[in-house]
Amino acid sequence: MSHVGRPALDRRALGLALTRVANSPASADFFSTEPPIARARRVGLTGPPGAGKSTLAGQLAVARLAQGRLGILAIDPTSTVSGGAILGDRIRMDDLAGAENVFIRSFGSRTATDGLTDNLPELLDMMDRFDFDEVIVETVGVGQVELAARVHVDTLVLVIPPDAGDVVQAMKAGIVEIADVFAINKADMPSAAKMYTEIKRIVGLTRRSGAGWTPPVIMTAKSKPESIAELSREIDRHGEWLRASGELGTRNLLHKKYRLRRWLERKSQEIIDREAAAFFEGSGQEQMRILLQRLTDSLVR
């Protein structure tokens, strides 16, 4: 929903702010400032490599422009050899070219190993500070570890290509259980109908009794705009269920817990890596005392 009289988006300021946050793995900035008044709706797209997530994200954004100010955070894999990333997701989102109410930014996964990127909670908070109504997060697509995406978004769409292979393995990974909506992408391929039937069967087997929400399975294809509109409607329907059931508050709390825990992990690692050998000769109690003092000092500077 757009806001009447809202100031134009300062893209340069937002870009600089996101870069600063991305380059500060254990920044204390967000622990010394007031949180934003409103939080954007967050939609995640995850799934195996080659599922067509980037193209689908672009089409979905076009279908959801009426939601208001829309952001896309696309995460590309970082090379373990060069440390670089192609950041080519925007190339596959050409349908959004010239859209004034859309902001797209790509990030490398960097040291993150969960299909996301360092400081994603802080990046999402920054999008809130620039008054976005909705943010789409596209993950790298690395398989089992994509479970982490669940913590950061309100609605998680699992994008599955027709040739996804061993679906049972996905069940073991827990990915099927945590998805809110399934999108069988590239549905114009002959094998899509079989995958659709298999996922519908698995959803029926794994749905928890009394859960209150049965994940819909949607067939999507770039050549079928009506399928993208259907996916968008199911995302809205899930959002309505979250609010009505009270589940939205539960997911917000999980996000806040994750954000604090990840900051403590990163900052503790940063402090420990800087300590001289003498630090590790002390007792465990003394090491913990010093570590806690360093953490406290980092917050009050």
C-alpha atoms as a PDB file:
ATOM      1  CA  MET A   1       0.000   0.000   0.000  1.00  0.00           C
ATOM      2  CA  SER A   2       1.542   3.305  -1.092  1.00  0.00           C
ATOM      3  CA  HIS A   3       1.755   6.315   1.229  1.00  0.00           C
ATOM      4  CA  VAL A   4       0.322   9.663   0.155  1.00  0.00           C
ATOM      5  CA  GLY A   5       2.896  12.436   0.266  1.00  0.00           C
ATOM      6  CA  ARG A   6       5.832  10.082   0.852  1.00  0.00           C
ATOM      7  CA  PRO A   7       9.214  11.650  -0.057  1.00  0.00           C
ATOM      8  CA  ALA A   8      10.901  10.257  -3.156  1.00  0.00           C
ATOM      9  CA  LEU A   9      13.331   7.436  -2.544  1.00  0.00           C
ATOM     10  CA  ASP A  10      16.919   8.676  -2.201  1.00  0.00           C
ATOM     11  CA  ARG A  11      18.565   5.844  -4.115  1.00  0.00           C
ATOM     12  CA  ARG A  12      22.098   7.131  -3.644  1.00  0.00           C
ATOM     13  CA  ALA A  13      21.703   7.457   0.116  1.00  0.00           C
ATOM     14  CA  LEU A  14      20.156   3.997   0.351  1.00  0.00           C
ATOM     15  CA  GLY A  15      22.891   2.478  -1.802  1.00  0.00           C
ATOM     16  CA  LEU A  16      25.631   4.000   0.347  1.00  0.00           C
ATOM     17  CA  ALA A  17      23.883   2.902   3.547  1.00  0.00           C
ATOM     18  CA  LEU A  18      23.521  -0.689   2.331  1.00  0.00           C
ATOM     19  CA  THR A  19      27.186  -0.778   1.303  1.00  0.00           C
ATOM     20  CA  ARG A  20      28.252   0.476   4.728  1.00  0.00           C
ATOM     21  CA  VAL A  21      26.169  -2.164   6.479  1.00  0.00           C
ATOM     22  CA  ALA A  22      27.351  -4.950   4.164  1.00  0.00           C
ATOM     23  CA  ASN A  23      30.992  -4.021   4.799  1.00  0.00           C
ATOM     24  CA  SER A  24      30.629  -3.902   8.599  1.00  0.00           C
ATOM     25  CA  PRO A  25      30.173  -7.538   9.650  1.00  0.00           C
ATOM     26  CA  ALA A  26      29.847  -6.759  13.351  1.00  0.00           C
ATOM     27  CA  SER A  27      28.730  -3.136  13.364  1.00  0.00           C
ATOM     28  CA  ALA A  28      26.997  -1.943  16.525  1.00  0.00           C
ATOM     29  CA  ASP A  29      25.058   0.775  14.700  1.00  0.00           C
ATOM     30  CA  PHE A  30      21.711  -0.915  15.037  1.00  0.00           C
ATOM     31  CA  PHE A  31      22.130  -1.457  18.763  1.00  0.00           C
ATOM     32  CA  SER A  32      22.535   2.253  19.448  1.00  0.00           C
ATOM     33  CA  THR A  33      19.660   3.674  17.384  1.00  0.00           C
ATOM     34  CA  GLU A  34      15.893   3.450  17.586  1.00  0.00           C
ATOM     35  CA  PRO A  35      14.279   0.732  15.467  1.00  0.00           C
ATOM     36  CA  PRO A  36      12.153   1.822  12.481  1.00  0.00           C
ATOM     37  CA  ILE A  37       8.501   2.536  13.190  1.00  0.00           C
ATOM     38  CA  ALA A  38       7.193   0.225  10.449  1.00  0.00           C
ATOM     39  CA  ARG A  39       8.541  -3.006   8.987  1.00  0.00           C
ATOM     40  CA  ALA A  40       8.258  -3.987   5.338  1.00  0.00           C
ATOM     41  CA  ARG A  41       6.498  -7.184   4.336  1.00  0.00           C
ATOM     42  CA  ARG A  42       9.222  -9.729   3.529  1.00  0.00           C
ATOM     43  CA  VAL A  43       8.896 -12.397   0.860  1.00  0.00           C
ATOM     44  CA  GLY A  44      11.643 -14.955   0.299  1.00  0.00           C
ATOM     45  CA  LEU A  45      12.377 -16.909  -2.870  1.00  0.00           C
ATOM     46  CA  THR A  46      14.550 -19.961  -2.362  1.00  0.00           C
ATOM     47  CA  GLY A  47      15.244 -23.170  -4.218  1.00  0.00           C
ATOM     48  CA  PRO A  48      17.960 -25.109  -6.036  1.00  0.00           C
ATOM     49  CA  PRO A  49      20.325 -23.439  -8.537  1.00  0.00           C
ATOM     50  CA  GLY A  50      18.803 -23.145 -11.995  1.00  0.00           C
ATOM     51  CA  ALA A  51      15.221 -23.006 -10.719  1.00  0.00           C
ATOM     52  CA  GLY A  52      14.713 -19.586 -12.323  1.00  0.00           C
ATOM     53  CA  LYS A  53      14.455 -17.624  -9.084  1.00  0.00           C
ATOM     54  CA  SER A  54      15.862 -14.366 -10.475  1.00  0.00           C
ATOM     55  CA  THR A  55      13.529 -14.286 -13.463  1.00  0.00           C
ATOM     56  CA  LEU A  56      10.597 -15.212 -11.252  1.00  0.00           C
ATOM     57  CA  ALA A  57      11.551 -12.505  -8.731  1.00  0.00           C
ATOM     58  CA  GLY A  58      11.459  -9.891 -11.494  1.00  0.00           C
ATOM     59  CA  GLN A  59       8.084 -11.043 -12.780  1.00  0.00           C
ATOM     60  CA  LEU A  60       6.664 -11.272  -9.272  1.00  0.00           C
ATOM     61  CA  ALA A  61       7.849  -7.734  -8.518  1.00  0.00           C
ATOM     62  CA  VAL A  62       6.022  -6.463 -11.605  1.00  0.00           C
ATOM     63  CA  ALA A  63       2.865  -8.204 -10.409  1.00  0.00           C
ATOM     64  CA  ARG A  64       3.241  -6.656  -6.935  1.00  0.00           C
ATOM     65  CA  LEU A  65       4.067  -3.055  -7.837  1.00  0.00           C
ATOM     66  CA  ALA A  66       0.681  -2.037  -6.464  1.00  0.00           C
ATOM     67  CA  GLN A  67       1.943  -3.018  -2.984  1.00  0.00           C
ATOM     68  CA  GLY A  68       3.866   0.268  -2.861  1.00  0.00           C
ATOM     69  CA  ARG A  69       7.621   0.828  -2.582  1.00  0.00           C
ATOM     70  CA  LEU A  70       9.241  -2.494  -3.450  1.00  0.00           C
ATOM     71  CA  GLY A  71      12.805  -3.644  -2.799  1.00  0.00           C
ATOM     72  CA  ILE A  72      14.665  -6.709  -4.065  1.00  0.00           C
ATOM     73  CA  LEU A  73      17.752  -8.032  -2.297  1.00  0.00           C
ATOM     74  CA  ALA A  74      19.308 -10.661  -4.554  1.00  0.00           C
ATOM     75  CA  ILE A  75      22.127 -12.813  -3.216  1.00  0.00           C
ATOM     76  CA  ASP A  76      24.740 -14.303  -5.547  1.00  0.00           C
ATOM     77  CA  PRO A  77      27.303 -16.954  -4.601  1.00  0.00           C
ATOM     78  CA  THR A  78      30.770 -15.677  -3.707  1.00  0.00           C
ATOM     79  CA  SER A  79      33.683 -17.600  -5.206  1.00  0.00           C
ATOM     80  CA  THR A  80      35.742 -19.498  -2.643  1.00  0.00           C
ATOM     81  CA  VAL A  81      38.763 -18.978  -4.917  1.00  0.00           C
ATOM     82  CA  SER A  82      38.645 -15.300  -5.898  1.00  0.00           C
ATOM     83  CA  GLY A  83      36.292 -14.016  -3.208  1.00  0.00           C
ATOM     84  CA  GLY A  84      34.268 -12.248  -5.906  1.00  0.00           C
ATOM     85  CA  ALA A  85      30.677 -12.575  -7.103  1.00  0.00           C
ATOM     86  CA  ILE A  86      29.124 -11.931 -10.518  1.00  0.00           C
ATOM     87  CA  LEU A  87      26.074 -10.122  -9.087  1.00  0.00           C
ATOM     88  CA  GLY A  88      24.153 -10.784 -12.280  1.00  0.00           C
ATOM     89  CA  ASP A  89      20.645 -11.185 -10.897  1.00  0.00           C
ATOM     90  CA  ARG A  90      19.562  -7.768 -12.154  1.00  0.00           C
ATOM     91  CA  ILE A  91      20.274  -8.848 -15.737  1.00  0.00           C
ATOM     92  CA  ARG A  92      17.432 -11.368 -15.422  1.00  0.00           C
ATOM     93  CA  MET A  93      15.041  -8.745 -14.058  1.00  0.00           C
ATOM     94  CA  ASP A  94      14.812  -6.608 -17.195  1.00  0.00           C
ATOM     95  CA  ASP A  95      11.009  -6.389 -16.843  1.00  0.00           C
ATOM     96  CA  LEU A  96      11.638  -3.881 -14.033  1.00  0.00           C
ATOM     97  CA  ALA A  97      13.760  -1.488 -16.091  1.00  0.00           C
ATOM     98  CA  GLY A  98      12.639   2.075 -15.442  1.00  0.00           C
ATOM     99  CA  ALA A  99      10.269   1.196 -12.593  1.00  0.00           C
ATOM    100  CA  GLU A 100      10.451   4.209 -10.261  1.00  0.00           C
ATOM    101  CA  ASN A 101       9.051   2.466  -7.200  1.00  0.00           C
ATOM    102  CA  VAL A 102      11.465  -0.484  -7.271  1.00  0.00           C
ATOM    103  CA  PHE A 103      14.989  -0.748  -5.862  1.00  0.00           C
ATOM    104  CA  ILE A 104      17.186  -3.754  -6.701  1.00  0.00           C
ATOM    105  CA  ARG A 105      20.480  -4.551  -5.020  1.00  0.00           C
ATOM    106  CA  SER A 106      22.684  -7.636  -5.390  1.00  0.00           C
ATOM    107  CA  PHE A 107      25.048  -8.917  -2.704  1.00  0.00           C
ATOM    108  CA  GLY A 108      27.649 -11.646  -2.648  1.00  0.00           C
ATOM    109  CA  SER A 109      27.128 -14.397  -0.089  1.00  0.00           C
ATOM    110  CA  ARG A 110      30.618 -13.569   1.295  1.00  0.00           C
ATOM    111  CA  THR A 111      31.371 -15.670   4.386  1.00  0.00           C
ATOM    112  CA  ALA A 112      27.752 -16.754   4.918  1.00  0.00           C
ATOM    113  CA  THR A 113      27.167 -20.465   4.299  1.00  0.00           C
ATOM    114  CA  ASP A 114      23.376 -20.515   4.553  1.00  0.00           C
ATOM    115  CA  GLY A 115      22.423 -19.287   1.081  1.00  0.00           C
ATOM    116  CA  LEU A 116      22.137 -15.721   2.385  1.00  0.00           C
ATOM    117  CA  THR A 117      24.687 -12.947   2.986  1.00  0.00           C
ATOM    118  CA  ASP A 118      26.507 -11.394   5.927  1.00  0.00           C
ATOM    119  CA  ASN A 119      24.422  -8.864   7.855  1.00  0.00           C
ATOM    120  CA  LEU A 120      21.130  -9.709   6.141  1.00  0.00           C
ATOM    121  CA  PRO A 121      19.100  -8.762   9.253  1.00  0.00           C
ATOM    122  CA  GLU A 122      20.769  -5.332   9.289  1.00  0.00           C
ATOM    123  CA  LEU A 123      20.289  -4.917   5.528  1.00  0.00           C
ATOM    124  CA  LEU A 124      16.573  -5.617   5.937  1.00  0.00           C
ATOM    125  CA  ASP A 125      16.385  -3.140   8.806  1.00  0.00           C
ATOM    126  CA  MET A 126      17.986  -0.513   6.573  1.00  0.00           C
ATOM    127  CA  MET A 127      15.313  -1.105   3.932  1.00  0.00           C
ATOM    128  CA  ASP A 128      12.735  -0.403   6.658  1.00  0.00           C
ATOM    129  CA  ARG A 129      14.446   2.888   7.470  1.00  0.00           C
ATOM    130  CA  PHE A 130      13.888   3.941   3.856  1.00  0.00           C
ATOM    131  CA  ASP A 131      10.159   3.211   4.166  1.00  0.00           C
ATOM    132  CA  PHE A 132       9.756   0.175   1.890  1.00  0.00           C
ATOM    133  CA  ASP A 133       6.390  -1.557   1.863  1.00  0.00           C
ATOM    134  CA  GLU A 134       7.701  -4.909   0.704  1.00  0.00           C
ATOM    135  CA  VAL A 135      11.103  -6.541   0.215  1.00  0.00           C
ATOM    136  CA  ILE A 136      11.743  -9.669  -1.850  1.00  0.00           C
ATOM    137  CA  VAL A 137      14.802 -11.676  -0.780  1.00  0.00           C
ATOM    138  CA  GLU A 138      16.254 -14.095  -3.328  1.00  0.00           C
ATOM    139  CA  THR A 139      18.692 -16.628  -1.860  1.00  0.00           C
ATOM    140  CA  VAL A 140      21.726 -18.213  -3.522  1.00  0.00           C
ATOM    141  CA  GLY A 141      20.084 -21.617  -3.821  1.00  0.00           C
ATOM    142  CA  VAL A 142      22.490 -24.001  -2.180  1.00  0.00           C
ATOM    143  CA  GLY A 143      20.250 -26.822  -0.974  1.00  0.00           C
ATOM    144  CA  GLN A 144      19.774 -27.994   2.593  1.00  0.00           C
ATOM    145  CA  VAL A 145      21.147 -24.916   4.368  1.00  0.00           C
ATOM    146  CA  GLU A 146      18.486 -22.683   2.822  1.00  0.00           C
ATOM    147  CA  LEU A 147      16.464 -23.362   5.958  1.00  0.00           C
ATOM    148  CA  ALA A 148      18.000 -20.139   7.339  1.00  0.00           C
ATOM    149  CA  ALA A 149      15.869 -18.113   4.923  1.00  0.00           C
ATOM    150  CA  ARG A 150      12.789 -19.001   6.985  1.00  0.00           C
ATOM    151  CA  VAL A 151      13.947 -16.792   9.866  1.00  0.00           C
ATOM    152  CA  HIS A 152      14.207 -13.611   7.794  1.00  0.00           C
ATOM    153  CA  VAL A 153      10.954 -13.525   5.826  1.00  0.00           C
ATOM    154  CA  ASP A 154       7.218 -13.603   6.447  1.00  0.00           C
ATOM    155  CA  THR A 155       6.373 -15.763   3.441  1.00  0.00           C
ATOM    156  CA  LEU A 156       8.852 -18.233   1.973  1.00  0.00           C
ATOM    157  CA  VAL A 157       8.302 -19.409  -1.602  1.00  0.00           C
ATOM    158  CA  LEU A 158      10.151 -22.582  -2.567  1.00  0.00           C
ATOM    159  CA  VAL A 159      10.885 -22.461  -6.305  1.00  0.00           C
ATOM    160  CA  ILE A 160      11.288 -25.927  -7.824  1.00  0.00           C
ATOM    161  CA  PRO A 161      12.281 -26.677 -11.428  1.00  0.00           C
ATOM    162  CA  PRO A 162      10.650 -29.620 -13.225  1.00  0.00           C
ATOM    163  CA  ASP A 163      13.928 -31.559 -13.176  1.00  0.00           C
ATOM    164  CA  ALA A 164      14.651 -31.024  -9.461  1.00  0.00           C
ATOM    165  CA  GLY A 165      15.675 -34.656  -9.042  1.00  0.00           C
ATOM    166  CA  ASP A 166      15.426 -36.390  -5.680  1.00  0.00           C
ATOM    167  CA  VAL A 167      12.506 -34.678  -3.967  1.00  0.00           C
ATOM    168  CA  VAL A 168      12.781 -37.093  -1.037  1.00  0.00           C
ATOM    169  CA  GLN A 169      16.175 -35.568  -0.256  1.00  0.00           C
ATOM    170  CA  ALA A 170      14.517 -32.167  -0.028  1.00  0.00           C
ATOM    171  CA  MET A 171      12.098 -33.637   2.487  1.00  0.00           C
ATOM    172  CA  LYS A 172      15.001 -34.879   4.608  1.00  0.00           C
ATOM    173  CA  ALA A 173      16.572 -31.434   4.488  1.00  0.00           C
ATOM    174  CA  GLY A 174      13.412 -29.946   5.945  1.00  0.00           C
ATOM    175  CA  ILE A 175      12.979 -27.534   3.049  1.00  0.00           C
ATOM    176  CA  VAL A 176       9.555 -28.844   2.091  1.00  0.00           C
ATOM    177  CA  GLU A 177       8.322 -28.523   5.669  1.00  0.00           C
ATOM    178  CA  ILE A 178       9.267 -24.862   6.026  1.00  0.00           C
ATOM    179  CA  ALA A 179       7.945 -23.523   2.707  1.00  0.00           C
ATOM    180  CA  ASP A 180       4.732 -21.465   2.785  1.00  0.00           C
ATOM    181  CA  VAL A 181       4.122 -21.591  -0.965  1.00  0.00           C
ATOM    182  CA  PHE A 182       5.507 -23.915  -3.648  1.00  0.00           C
ATOM    183  CA  ALA A 183       6.158 -22.694  -7.177  1.00  0.00           C
ATOM    184  CA  ILE A 184       6.817 -25.366  -9.796  1.00  0.00           C
ATOM    185  CA  ASN A 185       8.665 -23.058 -12.166  1.00  0.00           C
ATOM    186  CA  LYS A 186       9.221 -23.457 -15.908  1.00  0.00           C
ATOM    187  CA  ALA A 187       5.809 -25.108 -15.945  1.00  0.00           C
ATOM    188  CA  ASP A 188       5.723 -25.100 -19.729  1.00  0.00           C
ATOM    189  CA  MET A 189       8.233 -27.980 -19.703  1.00  0.00           C
ATOM    190  CA  PRO A 190       6.795 -31.506 -20.181  1.00  0.00           C
ATOM    191  CA  SER A 191       8.091 -32.823 -16.822  1.00  0.00           C
ATOM    192  CA  ALA A 192       6.436 -30.042 -14.790  1.00  0.00           C
ATOM    193  CA  ALA A 193       3.109 -31.838 -14.359  1.00  0.00           C
ATOM    194  CA  LYS A 194       4.819 -34.847 -12.800  1.00  0.00           C
ATOM    195  CA  MET A 195       6.748 -32.647 -10.363  1.00  0.00           C
ATOM    196  CA  TYR A 196       3.541 -30.799  -9.471  1.00  0.00           C
ATOM    197  CA  THR A 197       1.809 -34.083  -8.615  1.00  0.00           C
ATOM    198  CA  GLU A 198       4.772 -35.265  -6.536  1.00  0.00           C
ATOM    199  CA  ILE A 199       4.985 -32.056  -4.507  1.00  0.00           C
ATOM    200  CA  LYS A 200       1.220 -32.079  -3.882  1.00  0.00           C
ATOM    201  CA  ARG A 201       1.589 -35.624  -2.555  1.00  0.00           C
ATOM    202  CA  ILE A 202       4.483 -34.666  -0.280  1.00  0.00           C
ATOM    203  CA  VAL A 203       2.639 -31.618   1.058  1.00  0.00           C
ATOM    204  CA  GLY A 204      -0.276 -33.883   1.947  1.00  0.00           C
ATOM    205  CA  LEU A 205       2.045 -36.280   3.787  1.00  0.00           C
ATOM    206  CA  THR A 206       4.087 -33.684   5.691  1.00  0.00           C
ATOM    207  CA  ARG A 207       1.434 -31.130   6.671  1.00  0.00           C
ATOM    208  CA  ARG A 208       1.123 -31.051  10.455  1.00  0.00           C
ATOM    209  CA  SER A 209      -2.319 -31.697  11.879  1.00  0.00           C
ATOM    210  CA  GLY A 210      -3.970 -28.467  13.011  1.00  0.00           C
ATOM    211  CA  ALA A 211      -1.227 -26.305  11.494  1.00  0.00           C
ATOM    212  CA  GLY A 212      -3.859 -24.002  10.021  1.00  0.00           C
ATOM    213  CA  TRP A 213      -2.051 -23.362   6.747  1.00  0.00           C
ATOM    214  CA  THR A 214      -1.702 -25.790   3.868  1.00  0.00           C
ATOM    215  CA  PRO A 215       1.020 -24.603   1.457  1.00  0.00           C
ATOM    216  CA  PRO A 216      -0.449 -24.181  -2.036  1.00  0.00           C
ATOM    217  CA  VAL A 217       1.404 -25.592  -5.034  1.00  0.00           C
ATOM    218  CA  ILE A 218       1.445 -23.238  -8.030  1.00  0.00           C
ATOM    219  CA  MET A 219       2.620 -23.887 -11.585  1.00  0.00           C
ATOM    220  CA  THR A 220       4.547 -20.822 -12.833  1.00  0.00           C
ATOM    221  CA  ALA A 221       6.112 -19.968 -16.172  1.00  0.00           C
ATOM    222  CA  LYS A 222       7.569 -16.839 -17.719  1.00  0.00           C
ATOM    223  CA  SER A 223       5.334 -17.381 -20.742  1.00  0.00           C
ATOM    224  CA  LYS A 224       2.180 -17.441 -18.584  1.00  0.00           C
ATOM    225  CA  PRO A 225       1.578 -14.085 -16.816  1.00  0.00           C
ATOM    226  CA  GLU A 226      -1.612 -15.440 -15.225  1.00  0.00           C
ATOM    227  CA  SER A 227       0.493 -17.977 -13.300  1.00  0.00           C
ATOM    228  CA  ILE A 228       2.589 -15.167 -11.783  1.00  0.00           C
ATOM    229  CA  ALA A 229      -0.602 -13.354 -10.785  1.00  0.00           C
ATOM    230  CA  GLU A 230      -1.818 -16.532  -9.082  1.00  0.00           C
ATOM    231  CA  LEU A 231       1.456 -16.824  -7.148  1.00  0.00           C
ATOM    232  CA  SER A 232       1.118 -13.208  -6.050  1.00  0.00           C
ATOM    233  CA  ARG A 233      -2.434 -13.834  -4.823  1.00  0.00           C
ATOM    234  CA  GLU A 234      -1.288 -16.838  -2.770  1.00  0.00           C
ATOM    235  CA  ILE A 235       1.448 -14.722  -1.166  1.00  0.00           C
ATOM    236  CA  ASP A 236      -1.211 -12.171  -0.182  1.00  0.00           C
ATOM    237  CA  ARG A 237      -3.469 -14.918   1.140  1.00  0.00           C
ATOM    238  CA  HIS A 238      -0.640 -16.241   3.299  1.00  0.00           C
ATOM    239  CA  GLY A 239       0.010 -12.729   4.604  1.00  0.00           C
ATOM    240  CA  GLU A 240      -3.617 -12.417   5.627  1.00  0.00           C
ATOM    241  CA  TRP A 241      -3.421 -15.769   7.435  1.00  0.00           C
ATOM    242  CA  LEU A 242      -0.264 -14.680   9.282  1.00  0.00           C
ATOM    243  CA  ARG A 243      -1.989 -11.592  10.626  1.00  0.00           C
ATOM    244  CA  ALA A 244      -5.248 -13.334  11.494  1.00  0.00           C
ATOM    245  CA  SER A 245      -3.578 -16.282  13.242  1.00  0.00           C
ATOM    246  CA  GLY A 246      -1.023 -14.270  15.209  1.00  0.00           C
ATOM    247  CA  GLU A 247       1.809 -16.183  13.540  1.00  0.00           C
ATOM    248  CA  LEU A 248       3.276 -12.941  12.193  1.00  0.00           C
ATOM    249  CA  GLY A 249       4.253 -11.864  15.716  1.00  0.00           C
ATOM    250  CA  THR A 250       5.916 -15.228  16.317  1.00  0.00           C
ATOM    251  CA  ARG A 251       7.987 -14.909  13.152  1.00  0.00           C
ATOM    252  CA  ASN A 252       8.994 -11.345  14.026  1.00  0.00           C
ATOM    253  CA  LEU A 253      10.284 -12.591  17.380  1.00  0.00           C
ATOM    254  CA  LEU A 254      12.312 -15.352  15.701  1.00  0.00           C
ATOM    255  CA  HIS A 255      13.889 -12.747  13.433  1.00  0.00           C
ATOM    256  CA  LYS A 256      14.866 -10.551  16.378  1.00  0.00           C
ATOM    257  CA  LYS A 257      16.386 -13.489  18.253  1.00  0.00           C
ATOM    258  CA  TYR A 258      18.371 -14.557  15.194  1.00  0.00           C
ATOM    259  CA  ARG A 259      19.609 -11.017  14.597  1.00  0.00           C
ATOM    260  CA  LEU A 260      20.994 -10.639  18.117  1.00  0.00           C
ATOM    261  CA  ARG A 261      22.463 -14.135  18.170  1.00  0.00           C
ATOM    262  CA  ARG A 262      24.255 -13.658  14.840  1.00  0.00           C
ATOM    263  CA  TRP A 263      25.661 -10.303  15.967  1.00  0.00           C
ATOM    264  CA  LEU A 264      27.038 -11.871  19.150  1.00  0.00           C
ATOM    265  CA  GLU A 265      28.571 -14.724  17.156  1.00  0.00           C
ATOM    266  CA  ARG A 266      30.258 -12.422  14.635  1.00  0.00           C
ATOM    267  CA  LYS A 267      31.462  -9.902  17.181  1.00  0.00           C
ATOM    268  CA  SER A 268      32.784 -12.598  19.524  1.00  0.00           C
ATOM    269  CA  GLN A 269      34.665 -14.194  16.641  1.00  0.00           C
ATOM    270  CA  GLU A 270      36.128 -10.822  15.682  1.00  0.00           C
ATOM    271  CA  ILE A 271      37.339 -10.197  19.250  1.00  0.00           C
ATOM    272  CA  ILE A 272      38.730 -13.710  19.727  1.00  0.00           C
ATOM    273  CA  ASP A 273      40.674 -13.540  16.460  1.00  0.00           C
ATOM    274  CA  ARG A 274      42.424 -10.358  17.644  1.00  0.00           C
ATOM    275  CA  GLU A 275      43.500 -11.692  21.038  1.00  0.00           C
ATOM    276  CA  ALA A 276      47.165 -12.517  21.662  1.00  0.00           C
ATOM    277  CA  ALA A 277      48.298 -15.994  22.723  1.00  0.00           C
ATOM    278  CA  ALA A 278      48.460 -14.933  26.381  1.00  0.00           C
ATOM    279  CA  PHE A 279      44.667 -14.510  26.418  1.00  0.00           C
ATOM    280  CA  PHE A 280      44.189 -18.247  25.898  1.00  0.00           C
ATOM    281  CA  GLU A 281      46.508 -19.170  28.746  1.00  0.00           C
ATOM    282  CA  GLY A 282      44.055 -17.839  31.326  1.00  0.00           C
ATOM    283  CA  SER A 283      41.204 -19.803  32.855  1.00  0.00           C
ATOM    284  CA  GLY A 284      37.955 -20.197  30.971  1.00  0.00           C
ATOM    285  CA  GLN A 285      36.267 -17.920  33.474  1.00  0.00           C
ATOM    286  CA  GLU A 286      38.874 -15.191  32.898  1.00  0.00           C
ATOM    287  CA  GLN A 287      38.610 -15.532  29.121  1.00  0.00           C
ATOM    288  CA  MET A 288      34.848 -15.159  29.337  1.00  0.00           C
ATOM    289  CA  ARG A 289      35.147 -12.114  31.604  1.00  0.00           C
ATOM    290  CA  ILE A 290      37.481 -10.385  29.135  1.00  0.00           C
ATOM    291  CA  LEU A 291      35.312 -11.321  26.173  1.00  0.00           C
ATOM    292  CA  LEU A 292      32.182  -9.921  27.814  1.00  0.00           C
ATOM    293  CA  GLN A 293      34.051  -6.728  28.686  1.00  0.00           C
ATOM    294  CA  ARG A 294      35.218  -6.338  25.061  1.00  0.00           C
ATOM    295  CA  LEU A 295      31.637  -6.852  23.842  1.00  0.00           C
ATOM    296  CA  THR A 296      30.368  -4.207  26.242  1.00  0.00           C
ATOM    297  CA  ASP A 297      33.113  -1.763  25.219  1.00  0.00           C
ATOM    298  CA  SER A 298      32.230  -2.224  21.543  1.00  0.00           C
ATOM    299  CA  LEU A 299      28.649  -1.115  22.218  1.00  0.00           C
ATOM    300  CA  VAL A 300      29.428   2.056  24.168  1.00  0.00           C
ATOM    301  CA  ARG A 301      32.087   3.476  21.849  1.00  0.00           C
END
